[in-house]
Structures are given as C-alpha cells and as structure tokens.
Amino acid sequence: MFAAANCDFTGCPKHSIPGGMRGPKTAEKRVTVQPARKRAGQERGASFVEFTLIMPVLLLVATGMTAFGVALHNDLVLTNAVNGGAQLVSFSRGQTTDPCATAYTAISNAAPGLTSGLSLTYVIDGSTYTTNSCPAGAANMVQGATLQVTGSYPYSLVIVGEELGTHSFKAQVSEVIQ
C-alpha cells in the first residue's frame, strides 16, 4: 500500500497511480462567484419583457390552431352526417313515405351541433328537392336509381376576435337506391 512517510492520500510523487489520477498537490486558484441574488438583480424584469414580446404571438398561434381545429371538426361531422343520411335513404326504398324527411332526421341526429344554418338539397332519380320534406320523392325511389344528398353549412373563421371571413362547408354524397 502507501508508505506513511512523506505522503498523504491526495497525492504523492513516489506512490502515484499510473495514468496521472493522483499527483503532487498543486496550488489552488480561488475563483469568486457572485451570489445568485446579486446577478438576478442586474437582469430584473428581463424575463417579463421577453414574456410580453412572445405571448401575443403564442396566443395568436394557439387561437388560430383552435379555430382551424373546430372548423375541420365541423367539416368532418357534416361529411359524416350527410353520408349517413344518404345511406339510410338509399336502403329505405319502400319503407319511407318521405325520403327527404328521413334523410334530414338522420343528418340532424348525426350532427346535432350543425342544425342551425344547415341547408340540404336532395336529388332523387333526377328530381331536385330543396325542402326537408318531399313526399313526392317516394315515387322516384326506384331500385338502381341515383340518390344525391348535398349539405351546406356556413361558418365564420374568428381568430383573436377578428373575423377572417364567412365561408361554407359543403358535403355531397351519391348513393344507388337499393
């Protein structure tokens, strides 16, 4: 082990570990570090200024993402609802006396949040109906004929209180009457 004479455990030239892990003691250089309190006082308020510069941009991005997310959700809900309504009517030949009312009920149930402002157009075997009731359309429900349902829903894109315009979603589905 170590010889007790002229050695301590921090280093000894006679008994140093190979690779220079322990060597002779060297003079230590003292570095003074300012306390954190003093340094923070010199930059007081800098983080608040950075926050006030960045926060409006982050809010604009966040509200924009939210507005586009809601708009995309409404578009997908409308497309799914119109598709479900058209499929229901195409399979209900001979079972419904008012195909437009059947489709409207199915669409309203599939998209309950989109019923105000929703306009639907039905084309049954070439005859167009723009109201949500068309008892005469039941006579056009023949097997192999085409049923087309078009739904339109208006929306306004609003970001940070500013309206960027009024647009409308449109979904159109064609089905073969079974």
N, C-alpha and C. Protein backbone atom coordinates (compact mmCIF):
# COMPACT_ATOMS: atom_id res chain seq x y z
N MET A 1 0.84 -1.18 0.00
CA MET A 1 0.00 0.00 0.00
C MET A 1 0.87 1.23 0.00
N PHE A 2 0.38 2.30 0.65
CA PHE A 2 1.13 3.55 0.68
C PHE A 2 2.09 3.58 1.86
N ALA A 3 3.20 4.19 1.62
CA ALA A 3 4.13 4.39 2.73
C ALA A 3 3.68 5.60 3.50
N ALA A 4 3.74 5.55 4.79
CA ALA A 4 3.21 6.62 5.61
C ALA A 4 4.11 7.85 5.59
N ALA A 5 5.36 7.69 5.29
CA ALA A 5 6.28 8.82 5.35
C ALA A 5 6.17 9.67 4.13
N ASN A 6 6.09 10.96 4.33
CA ASN A 6 6.07 11.98 3.28
C ASN A 6 4.94 11.81 2.28
N CYS A 7 3.84 11.19 2.62
CA CYS A 7 2.71 11.02 1.69
C CYS A 7 1.41 11.31 2.41
N ASP A 8 0.50 11.86 1.68
CA ASP A 8 -0.89 11.93 2.13
C ASP A 8 -1.74 11.29 1.05
N PHE A 9 -3.02 11.18 1.25
CA PHE A 9 -3.86 10.45 0.31
C PHE A 9 -4.24 11.25 -0.93
N THR A 10 -3.89 12.54 -1.00
CA THR A 10 -4.24 13.33 -2.18
C THR A 10 -3.19 13.23 -3.26
N GLY A 11 -2.05 12.76 -2.96
CA GLY A 11 -1.05 12.60 -4.00
C GLY A 11 0.33 12.51 -3.41
N CYS A 12 1.13 11.75 -4.04
CA CYS A 12 2.50 11.56 -3.60
C CYS A 12 3.29 11.20 -4.84
N PRO A 13 4.38 11.89 -5.11
CA PRO A 13 5.13 11.57 -6.32
C PRO A 13 5.70 10.16 -6.29
N LYS A 14 5.99 9.61 -5.14
CA LYS A 14 6.55 8.27 -5.09
C LYS A 14 5.49 7.22 -5.35
N HIS A 15 4.29 7.46 -4.86
CA HIS A 15 3.26 6.42 -4.91
C HIS A 15 2.06 6.88 -5.74
N SER A 16 2.28 7.53 -6.82
CA SER A 16 1.15 8.00 -7.64
C SER A 16 0.59 6.84 -8.45
N ILE A 17 -0.68 6.94 -8.74
CA ILE A 17 -1.36 5.91 -9.52
C ILE A 17 -1.02 6.14 -10.99
N PRO A 18 -0.76 5.08 -11.75
CA PRO A 18 -0.43 5.26 -13.17
C PRO A 18 -1.58 5.95 -13.90
N GLY A 19 -1.26 6.74 -14.85
CA GLY A 19 -2.25 7.47 -15.62
C GLY A 19 -2.47 8.86 -15.07
N GLY A 20 -1.81 9.22 -14.02
CA GLY A 20 -1.88 10.58 -13.51
C GLY A 20 -3.13 10.91 -12.74
N MET A 21 -3.82 9.91 -12.19
CA MET A 21 -5.04 10.19 -11.45
C MET A 21 -4.74 10.98 -10.19
N ARG A 22 -3.63 10.63 -9.50
CA ARG A 22 -3.22 11.36 -8.33
C ARG A 22 -1.80 11.82 -8.54
N GLY A 23 -1.57 13.03 -8.31
CA GLY A 23 -0.23 13.55 -8.48
C GLY A 23 0.09 14.47 -7.34
N PRO A 24 1.16 15.19 -7.47
CA PRO A 24 1.52 16.10 -6.39
C PRO A 24 0.48 17.20 -6.26
N LYS A 25 0.35 17.73 -5.08
CA LYS A 25 -0.59 18.81 -4.84
C LYS A 25 -0.14 20.04 -5.58
N THR A 26 -1.08 20.73 -6.19
CA THR A 26 -0.77 21.99 -6.86
C THR A 26 -1.49 23.10 -6.14
N ALA A 27 -1.02 24.27 -6.36
CA ALA A 27 -1.64 25.43 -5.72
C ALA A 27 -3.02 25.65 -6.33
N GLU A 28 -4.02 25.83 -5.49
CA GLU A 28 -5.37 26.03 -5.98
C GLU A 28 -5.62 27.50 -6.25
N LYS A 29 -6.29 27.75 -7.31
CA LYS A 29 -6.63 29.12 -7.69
C LYS A 29 -8.06 29.38 -7.23
N ARG A 30 -8.28 30.41 -6.47
CA ARG A 30 -9.62 30.70 -5.96
C ARG A 30 -10.35 31.60 -6.95
N VAL A 31 -11.56 31.18 -7.28
CA VAL A 31 -12.41 31.97 -8.16
C VAL A 31 -13.60 32.41 -7.34
N THR A 32 -13.87 33.69 -7.37
CA THR A 32 -15.02 34.19 -6.63
C THR A 32 -16.23 34.21 -7.55
N VAL A 33 -17.31 33.69 -7.05
CA VAL A 33 -18.56 33.63 -7.81
C VAL A 33 -19.56 34.55 -7.13
N GLN A 34 -20.21 35.37 -7.95
CA GLN A 34 -21.22 36.26 -7.39
C GLN A 34 -22.41 35.44 -6.92
N PRO A 35 -22.98 35.79 -5.81
CA PRO A 35 -24.19 35.09 -5.38
C PRO A 35 -25.32 35.30 -6.39
N ALA A 36 -26.20 34.32 -6.47
CA ALA A 36 -27.30 34.37 -7.44
C ALA A 36 -28.19 35.58 -7.21
N ARG A 37 -28.32 36.02 -5.97
CA ARG A 37 -29.18 37.18 -5.69
C ARG A 37 -28.66 38.43 -6.38
N LYS A 38 -27.37 38.62 -6.33
CA LYS A 38 -26.80 39.84 -6.92
C LYS A 38 -26.93 39.81 -8.44
N ARG A 39 -26.70 38.63 -9.07
CA ARG A 39 -26.82 38.54 -10.53
C ARG A 39 -28.26 38.74 -10.99
N ALA A 40 -29.21 38.21 -10.26
CA ALA A 40 -30.62 38.34 -10.64
C ALA A 40 -31.06 39.79 -10.58
N GLY A 41 -30.51 40.56 -9.68
CA GLY A 41 -30.87 41.96 -9.57
C GLY A 41 -30.43 42.77 -10.77
N GLN A 42 -29.37 42.35 -11.41
CA GLN A 42 -28.88 43.07 -12.59
C GLN A 42 -29.79 42.86 -13.79
N GLU A 43 -30.50 41.70 -13.87
CA GLU A 43 -31.37 41.41 -15.01
C GLU A 43 -32.83 41.41 -14.61
N ARG A 44 -33.14 42.11 -13.57
CA ARG A 44 -34.52 42.13 -13.07
C ARG A 44 -35.45 42.68 -14.15
N GLY A 45 -36.51 41.96 -14.44
CA GLY A 45 -37.50 42.40 -15.41
C GLY A 45 -37.24 41.94 -16.83
N ALA A 46 -36.08 41.35 -17.10
CA ALA A 46 -35.78 40.91 -18.47
C ALA A 46 -36.71 39.78 -18.90
N SER A 47 -36.98 38.86 -18.02
CA SER A 47 -37.87 37.76 -18.38
C SER A 47 -39.30 38.26 -18.60
N PHE A 48 -39.72 39.27 -17.86
CA PHE A 48 -41.05 39.83 -18.07
C PHE A 48 -41.15 40.50 -19.45
N VAL A 49 -40.11 41.19 -19.85
CA VAL A 49 -40.09 41.83 -21.17
C VAL A 49 -40.13 40.76 -22.26
N GLU A 50 -39.36 39.70 -22.10
CA GLU A 50 -39.39 38.62 -23.08
C GLU A 50 -40.76 37.98 -23.14
N PHE A 51 -41.38 37.78 -22.00
CA PHE A 51 -42.72 37.20 -21.94
C PHE A 51 -43.73 38.08 -22.68
N THR A 52 -43.68 39.39 -22.45
CA THR A 52 -44.64 40.28 -23.10
C THR A 52 -44.41 40.38 -24.60
N LEU A 53 -43.21 40.11 -25.06
CA LEU A 53 -42.96 40.13 -26.50
C LEU A 53 -43.41 38.84 -27.18
N ILE A 54 -43.27 37.72 -26.50
CA ILE A 54 -43.56 36.43 -27.11
C ILE A 54 -45.02 36.02 -26.92
N MET A 55 -45.65 36.40 -25.83
CA MET A 55 -47.00 35.92 -25.51
C MET A 55 -48.05 36.26 -26.57
N PRO A 56 -48.10 37.45 -27.14
CA PRO A 56 -49.12 37.69 -28.18
C PRO A 56 -48.97 36.76 -29.39
N VAL A 57 -47.74 36.46 -29.75
CA VAL A 57 -47.52 35.55 -30.88
C VAL A 57 -48.00 34.15 -30.52
N LEU A 58 -47.69 33.70 -29.31
CA LEU A 58 -48.15 32.38 -28.88
C LEU A 58 -49.67 32.31 -28.79
N LEU A 59 -50.32 33.36 -28.30
CA LEU A 59 -51.78 33.38 -28.24
C LEU A 59 -52.39 33.37 -29.63
N LEU A 60 -51.79 34.09 -30.56
CA LEU A 60 -52.29 34.10 -31.93
C LEU A 60 -52.18 32.71 -32.55
N VAL A 61 -51.08 32.05 -32.36
CA VAL A 61 -50.90 30.69 -32.89
C VAL A 61 -51.88 29.73 -32.22
N ALA A 62 -52.03 29.82 -30.91
CA ALA A 62 -52.93 28.91 -30.20
C ALA A 62 -54.38 29.10 -30.60
N THR A 63 -54.84 30.34 -30.70
CA THR A 63 -56.24 30.57 -31.10
C THR A 63 -56.46 30.21 -32.56
N GLY A 64 -55.46 30.42 -33.39
CA GLY A 64 -55.57 30.02 -34.79
C GLY A 64 -55.69 28.51 -34.93
N MET A 65 -54.87 27.78 -34.18
CA MET A 65 -54.95 26.32 -34.22
C MET A 65 -56.30 25.84 -33.71
N THR A 66 -56.81 26.46 -32.67
CA THR A 66 -58.11 26.07 -32.12
C THR A 66 -59.23 26.35 -33.12
N ALA A 67 -59.21 27.53 -33.75
CA ALA A 67 -60.25 27.89 -34.72
C ALA A 67 -60.23 26.94 -35.92
N PHE A 68 -59.04 26.63 -36.43
CA PHE A 68 -58.96 25.71 -37.56
C PHE A 68 -59.36 24.30 -37.14
N GLY A 69 -59.05 23.91 -35.91
CA GLY A 69 -59.45 22.60 -35.42
C GLY A 69 -60.96 22.47 -35.32
N VAL A 70 -61.63 23.50 -34.83
CA VAL A 70 -63.09 23.48 -34.74
C VAL A 70 -63.70 23.46 -36.14
N ALA A 71 -63.15 24.24 -37.06
CA ALA A 71 -63.66 24.26 -38.43
C ALA A 71 -63.49 22.89 -39.10
N LEU A 72 -62.33 22.28 -38.92
CA LEU A 72 -62.10 20.96 -39.50
C LEU A 72 -63.04 19.92 -38.89
N HIS A 73 -63.26 20.01 -37.59
CA HIS A 73 -64.20 19.10 -36.93
C HIS A 73 -65.60 19.24 -37.51
N ASN A 74 -66.07 20.48 -37.67
CA ASN A 74 -67.40 20.69 -38.23
C ASN A 74 -67.50 20.16 -39.66
N ASP A 75 -66.45 20.32 -40.44
CA ASP A 75 -66.45 19.80 -41.81
C ASP A 75 -66.56 18.27 -41.80
N LEU A 76 -65.80 17.63 -40.93
CA LEU A 76 -65.86 16.17 -40.86
C LEU A 76 -67.20 15.67 -40.34
N VAL A 77 -67.78 16.37 -39.38
CA VAL A 77 -69.09 15.98 -38.85
C VAL A 77 -70.15 16.12 -39.94
N LEU A 78 -70.10 17.22 -40.70
CA LEU A 78 -71.07 17.42 -41.79
C LEU A 78 -70.93 16.32 -42.85
N THR A 79 -69.72 16.01 -43.24
CA THR A 79 -69.49 14.97 -44.26
C THR A 79 -70.01 13.63 -43.78
N ASN A 80 -69.73 13.28 -42.54
CA ASN A 80 -70.18 12.01 -41.99
C ASN A 80 -71.70 11.96 -41.88
N ALA A 81 -72.31 13.06 -41.46
CA ALA A 81 -73.77 13.10 -41.31
C ALA A 81 -74.48 12.98 -42.66
N VAL A 82 -74.00 13.71 -43.66
CA VAL A 82 -74.61 13.63 -45.00
C VAL A 82 -74.45 12.22 -45.57
N ASN A 83 -73.30 11.62 -45.35
CA ASN A 83 -73.08 10.26 -45.82
C ASN A 83 -74.04 9.28 -45.15
N GLY A 84 -74.20 9.40 -43.84
CA GLY A 84 -75.13 8.52 -43.12
C GLY A 84 -76.57 8.71 -43.55
N GLY A 85 -76.98 9.97 -43.76
CA GLY A 85 -78.35 10.23 -44.20
C GLY A 85 -78.62 9.67 -45.59
N ALA A 86 -77.66 9.82 -46.50
CA ALA A 86 -77.84 9.29 -47.86
C ALA A 86 -77.88 7.77 -47.86
N GLN A 87 -77.04 7.14 -47.05
CA GLN A 87 -77.07 5.68 -46.98
C GLN A 87 -78.38 5.16 -46.42
N LEU A 88 -78.88 5.83 -45.39
CA LEU A 88 -80.15 5.40 -44.79
C LEU A 88 -81.28 5.47 -45.80
N VAL A 89 -81.36 6.57 -46.53
CA VAL A 89 -82.44 6.73 -47.52
C VAL A 89 -82.27 5.73 -48.66
N SER A 90 -81.04 5.48 -49.08
CA SER A 90 -80.84 4.56 -50.21
C SER A 90 -81.27 3.14 -49.87
N PHE A 91 -81.23 2.77 -48.58
CA PHE A 91 -81.65 1.43 -48.17
C PHE A 91 -83.11 1.37 -47.73
N SER A 92 -83.78 2.52 -47.65
CA SER A 92 -85.16 2.52 -47.14
C SER A 92 -86.20 2.64 -48.24
N ARG A 93 -85.89 2.19 -49.43
CA ARG A 93 -86.87 2.22 -50.52
C ARG A 93 -88.05 1.33 -50.15
N GLY A 94 -89.24 1.88 -50.30
CA GLY A 94 -90.46 1.14 -49.97
C GLY A 94 -90.81 1.19 -48.49
N GLN A 95 -89.92 1.71 -47.65
CA GLN A 95 -90.19 1.78 -46.22
C GLN A 95 -90.44 3.20 -45.75
N THR A 96 -90.17 4.18 -46.59
CA THR A 96 -90.37 5.57 -46.20
C THR A 96 -91.34 6.24 -47.17
N THR A 97 -92.18 7.10 -46.62
CA THR A 97 -93.11 7.86 -47.46
C THR A 97 -92.56 9.25 -47.75
N ASP A 98 -91.51 9.65 -47.04
CA ASP A 98 -90.89 10.96 -47.24
C ASP A 98 -89.37 10.82 -47.11
N PRO A 99 -88.69 10.54 -48.23
CA PRO A 99 -87.24 10.30 -48.16
C PRO A 99 -86.44 11.52 -47.69
N CYS A 100 -86.89 12.73 -48.01
CA CYS A 100 -86.17 13.93 -47.59
C CYS A 100 -86.25 14.10 -46.07
N ALA A 101 -87.41 13.84 -45.49
CA ALA A 101 -87.56 13.94 -44.04
C ALA A 101 -86.74 12.84 -43.34
N THR A 102 -86.68 11.67 -43.94
CA THR A 102 -85.88 10.59 -43.37
C THR A 102 -84.41 10.97 -43.36
N ALA A 103 -83.93 11.52 -44.47
CA ALA A 103 -82.52 11.94 -44.56
C ALA A 103 -82.24 13.10 -43.60
N TYR A 104 -83.15 14.06 -43.53
CA TYR A 104 -82.95 15.21 -42.64
C TYR A 104 -82.89 14.78 -41.18
N THR A 105 -83.75 13.86 -40.79
CA THR A 105 -83.75 13.36 -39.42
C THR A 105 -82.43 12.65 -39.11
N ALA A 106 -81.96 11.82 -40.04
CA ALA A 106 -80.70 11.10 -39.83
C ALA A 106 -79.52 12.07 -39.76
N ILE A 107 -79.51 13.08 -40.61
CA ILE A 107 -78.42 14.07 -40.62
C ILE A 107 -78.46 14.91 -39.35
N SER A 108 -79.65 15.31 -38.92
CA SER A 108 -79.78 16.11 -37.69
C SER A 108 -79.34 15.33 -36.46
N ASN A 109 -79.65 14.04 -36.44
CA ASN A 109 -79.23 13.21 -35.31
C ASN A 109 -77.73 12.96 -35.31
N ALA A 110 -77.13 12.87 -36.51
CA ALA A 110 -75.68 12.63 -36.60
C ALA A 110 -74.87 13.89 -36.35
N ALA A 111 -75.45 15.05 -36.62
CA ALA A 111 -74.75 16.33 -36.42
C ALA A 111 -75.64 17.31 -35.68
N PRO A 112 -75.90 17.08 -34.40
CA PRO A 112 -76.84 17.96 -33.68
C PRO A 112 -76.34 19.39 -33.53
N GLY A 113 -75.03 19.62 -33.56
CA GLY A 113 -74.50 20.98 -33.41
C GLY A 113 -74.53 21.79 -34.69
N LEU A 114 -74.87 21.16 -35.80
CA LEU A 114 -74.84 21.86 -37.09
C LEU A 114 -76.21 22.12 -37.67
N THR A 115 -77.28 21.95 -36.90
CA THR A 115 -78.62 22.06 -37.48
C THR A 115 -79.01 23.50 -37.81
N SER A 116 -78.51 24.48 -37.07
CA SER A 116 -78.88 25.87 -37.41
C SER A 116 -78.01 26.34 -38.57
N GLY A 117 -78.65 26.74 -39.63
CA GLY A 117 -77.93 27.20 -40.82
C GLY A 117 -77.65 26.10 -41.82
N LEU A 118 -77.98 24.87 -41.49
CA LEU A 118 -77.73 23.75 -42.39
C LEU A 118 -78.75 23.76 -43.52
N SER A 119 -78.28 23.70 -44.76
CA SER A 119 -79.20 23.61 -45.89
C SER A 119 -78.88 22.33 -46.66
N LEU A 120 -79.94 21.62 -47.02
CA LEU A 120 -79.79 20.34 -47.70
C LEU A 120 -80.52 20.37 -49.03
N THR A 121 -79.94 19.71 -50.02
CA THR A 121 -80.55 19.55 -51.33
C THR A 121 -80.55 18.06 -51.66
N TYR A 122 -81.69 17.57 -52.13
CA TYR A 122 -81.82 16.15 -52.45
C TYR A 122 -82.13 16.02 -53.93
N VAL A 123 -81.48 15.10 -54.59
CA VAL A 123 -81.78 14.77 -55.99
C VAL A 123 -82.07 13.27 -56.02
N ILE A 124 -83.34 12.96 -56.30
CA ILE A 124 -83.76 11.55 -56.32
C ILE A 124 -84.17 11.22 -57.75
N ASP A 125 -83.39 10.40 -58.39
CA ASP A 125 -83.62 9.96 -59.78
C ASP A 125 -83.86 11.15 -60.71
N GLY A 126 -83.07 12.21 -60.55
CA GLY A 126 -83.13 13.38 -61.43
C GLY A 126 -84.05 14.49 -60.95
N SER A 127 -84.89 14.25 -59.95
CA SER A 127 -85.78 15.28 -59.42
C SER A 127 -85.13 15.94 -58.20
N THR A 128 -85.07 17.28 -58.22
CA THR A 128 -84.40 18.03 -57.15
C THR A 128 -85.42 18.53 -56.13
N TYR A 129 -85.05 18.39 -54.85
CA TYR A 129 -85.88 18.87 -53.74
C TYR A 129 -85.00 19.70 -52.82
N THR A 130 -85.46 20.89 -52.48
CA THR A 130 -84.66 21.77 -51.62
C THR A 130 -85.26 21.93 -50.22
N THR A 131 -86.41 21.35 -49.99
CA THR A 131 -87.02 21.41 -48.66
C THR A 131 -86.73 20.11 -47.93
N ASN A 132 -86.98 20.11 -46.63
CA ASN A 132 -86.69 18.91 -45.85
C ASN A 132 -87.87 17.96 -45.80
N SER A 133 -88.83 18.17 -46.66
CA SER A 133 -89.95 17.26 -46.78
C SER A 133 -90.28 17.12 -48.27
N CYS A 134 -90.32 15.88 -48.74
CA CYS A 134 -90.63 15.64 -50.16
C CYS A 134 -91.38 14.32 -50.31
N PRO A 135 -92.68 14.31 -49.95
CA PRO A 135 -93.46 13.08 -50.09
C PRO A 135 -93.52 12.59 -51.54
N ALA A 136 -93.42 13.51 -52.49
CA ALA A 136 -93.47 13.11 -53.90
C ALA A 136 -92.19 12.37 -54.29
N GLY A 137 -91.12 12.54 -53.52
CA GLY A 137 -89.86 11.87 -53.83
C GLY A 137 -89.93 10.37 -53.62
N ALA A 138 -90.88 9.90 -52.85
CA ALA A 138 -91.00 8.46 -52.60
C ALA A 138 -91.33 7.71 -53.89
N ALA A 139 -92.04 8.36 -54.80
CA ALA A 139 -92.37 7.72 -56.08
C ALA A 139 -91.13 7.56 -56.95
N ASN A 140 -90.11 8.40 -56.77
CA ASN A 140 -88.88 8.32 -57.56
C ASN A 140 -87.86 7.34 -56.98
N MET A 141 -88.16 6.74 -55.84
CA MET A 141 -87.24 5.82 -55.19
C MET A 141 -87.37 4.44 -55.84
N VAL A 142 -86.76 4.29 -56.99
CA VAL A 142 -86.79 3.00 -57.69
C VAL A 142 -85.40 2.37 -57.59
N GLN A 143 -85.40 1.05 -57.56
CA GLN A 143 -84.14 0.34 -57.41
C GLN A 143 -83.22 0.62 -58.59
N GLY A 144 -81.95 0.93 -58.26
CA GLY A 144 -80.96 1.23 -59.29
C GLY A 144 -80.85 2.71 -59.63
N ALA A 145 -81.82 3.52 -59.19
CA ALA A 145 -81.77 4.96 -59.44
C ALA A 145 -80.72 5.59 -58.50
N THR A 146 -80.37 6.83 -58.81
CA THR A 146 -79.35 7.52 -58.02
C THR A 146 -79.99 8.51 -57.05
N LEU A 147 -79.47 8.53 -55.85
CA LEU A 147 -79.86 9.49 -54.82
C LEU A 147 -78.64 10.33 -54.51
N GLN A 148 -78.82 11.64 -54.55
CA GLN A 148 -77.71 12.54 -54.24
C GLN A 148 -78.16 13.49 -53.14
N VAL A 149 -77.37 13.58 -52.06
CA VAL A 149 -77.66 14.49 -50.96
C VAL A 149 -76.49 15.45 -50.83
N THR A 150 -76.80 16.75 -50.83
CA THR A 150 -75.78 17.79 -50.69
C THR A 150 -76.11 18.62 -49.46
N GLY A 151 -75.14 18.75 -48.58
CA GLY A 151 -75.31 19.55 -47.37
C GLY A 151 -74.34 20.72 -47.38
N SER A 152 -74.83 21.87 -46.93
CA SER A 152 -74.01 23.07 -46.86
C SER A 152 -74.20 23.70 -45.49
N TYR A 153 -73.08 24.10 -44.88
CA TYR A 153 -73.14 24.69 -43.54
C TYR A 153 -72.22 25.91 -43.50
N PRO A 154 -72.75 27.09 -43.13
CA PRO A 154 -71.91 28.30 -43.09
C PRO A 154 -71.10 28.37 -41.79
N TYR A 155 -69.92 28.97 -41.89
CA TYR A 155 -69.11 29.21 -40.70
C TYR A 155 -68.29 30.47 -40.89
N SER A 156 -67.93 31.07 -39.78
CA SER A 156 -67.07 32.26 -39.77
C SER A 156 -65.79 31.90 -39.04
N LEU A 157 -64.68 32.16 -39.65
CA LEU A 157 -63.40 31.88 -39.02
C LEU A 157 -62.99 33.11 -38.22
N VAL A 158 -62.92 32.95 -36.89
CA VAL A 158 -62.60 34.05 -35.99
C VAL A 158 -61.32 33.70 -35.24
N ILE A 159 -60.31 34.57 -35.36
CA ILE A 159 -59.05 34.39 -34.65
C ILE A 159 -58.77 35.66 -33.87
N VAL A 160 -58.63 35.52 -32.56
CA VAL A 160 -58.37 36.63 -31.63
C VAL A 160 -59.40 37.74 -31.82
N GLY A 161 -60.65 37.36 -31.93
CA GLY A 161 -61.71 38.34 -32.04
C GLY A 161 -61.89 38.96 -33.41
N GLU A 162 -61.05 38.62 -34.36
CA GLU A 162 -61.16 39.17 -35.71
C GLU A 162 -61.76 38.12 -36.64
N GLU A 163 -62.83 38.49 -37.32
CA GLU A 163 -63.46 37.58 -38.27
C GLU A 163 -62.70 37.65 -39.58
N LEU A 164 -62.24 36.49 -40.03
CA LEU A 164 -61.44 36.43 -41.26
C LEU A 164 -62.29 36.12 -42.48
N GLY A 165 -63.58 36.06 -42.31
CA GLY A 165 -64.46 35.82 -43.45
C GLY A 165 -65.49 34.75 -43.15
N THR A 166 -66.55 34.78 -43.92
CA THR A 166 -67.61 33.79 -43.80
C THR A 166 -67.51 32.85 -45.00
N HIS A 167 -67.50 31.58 -44.71
CA HIS A 167 -67.38 30.56 -45.73
C HIS A 167 -68.45 29.51 -45.49
N SER A 168 -68.48 28.48 -46.31
CA SER A 168 -69.41 27.39 -46.02
C SER A 168 -68.76 26.07 -46.39
N PHE A 169 -69.06 25.08 -45.56
CA PHE A 169 -68.63 23.72 -45.84
C PHE A 169 -69.66 23.09 -46.75
N LYS A 170 -69.21 22.19 -47.59
CA LYS A 170 -70.14 21.51 -48.48
C LYS A 170 -69.76 20.03 -48.53
N ALA A 171 -70.76 19.19 -48.35
CA ALA A 171 -70.57 17.74 -48.45
C ALA A 171 -71.62 17.20 -49.41
N GLN A 172 -71.17 16.36 -50.33
CA GLN A 172 -72.07 15.81 -51.32
C GLN A 172 -71.83 14.31 -51.44
N VAL A 173 -72.92 13.54 -51.37
CA VAL A 173 -72.82 12.09 -51.41
C VAL A 173 -73.84 11.57 -52.44
N SER A 174 -73.41 10.65 -53.26
CA SER A 174 -74.31 9.97 -54.20
C SER A 174 -74.38 8.50 -53.84
N GLU A 175 -75.59 7.97 -53.84
CA GLU A 175 -75.81 6.57 -53.50
C GLU A 175 -76.74 5.95 -54.54
N VAL A 176 -76.60 4.66 -54.75
CA VAL A 176 -77.52 3.92 -55.61
C VAL A 176 -78.62 3.38 -54.72
N ILE A 177 -79.87 3.62 -55.12
CA ILE A 177 -81.00 3.18 -54.33
C ILE A 177 -81.11 1.66 -54.44
N GLN A 178 -81.22 1.00 -53.30
CA GLN A 178 -81.24 -0.47 -53.26
C GLN A 178 -82.65 -1.00 -53.34
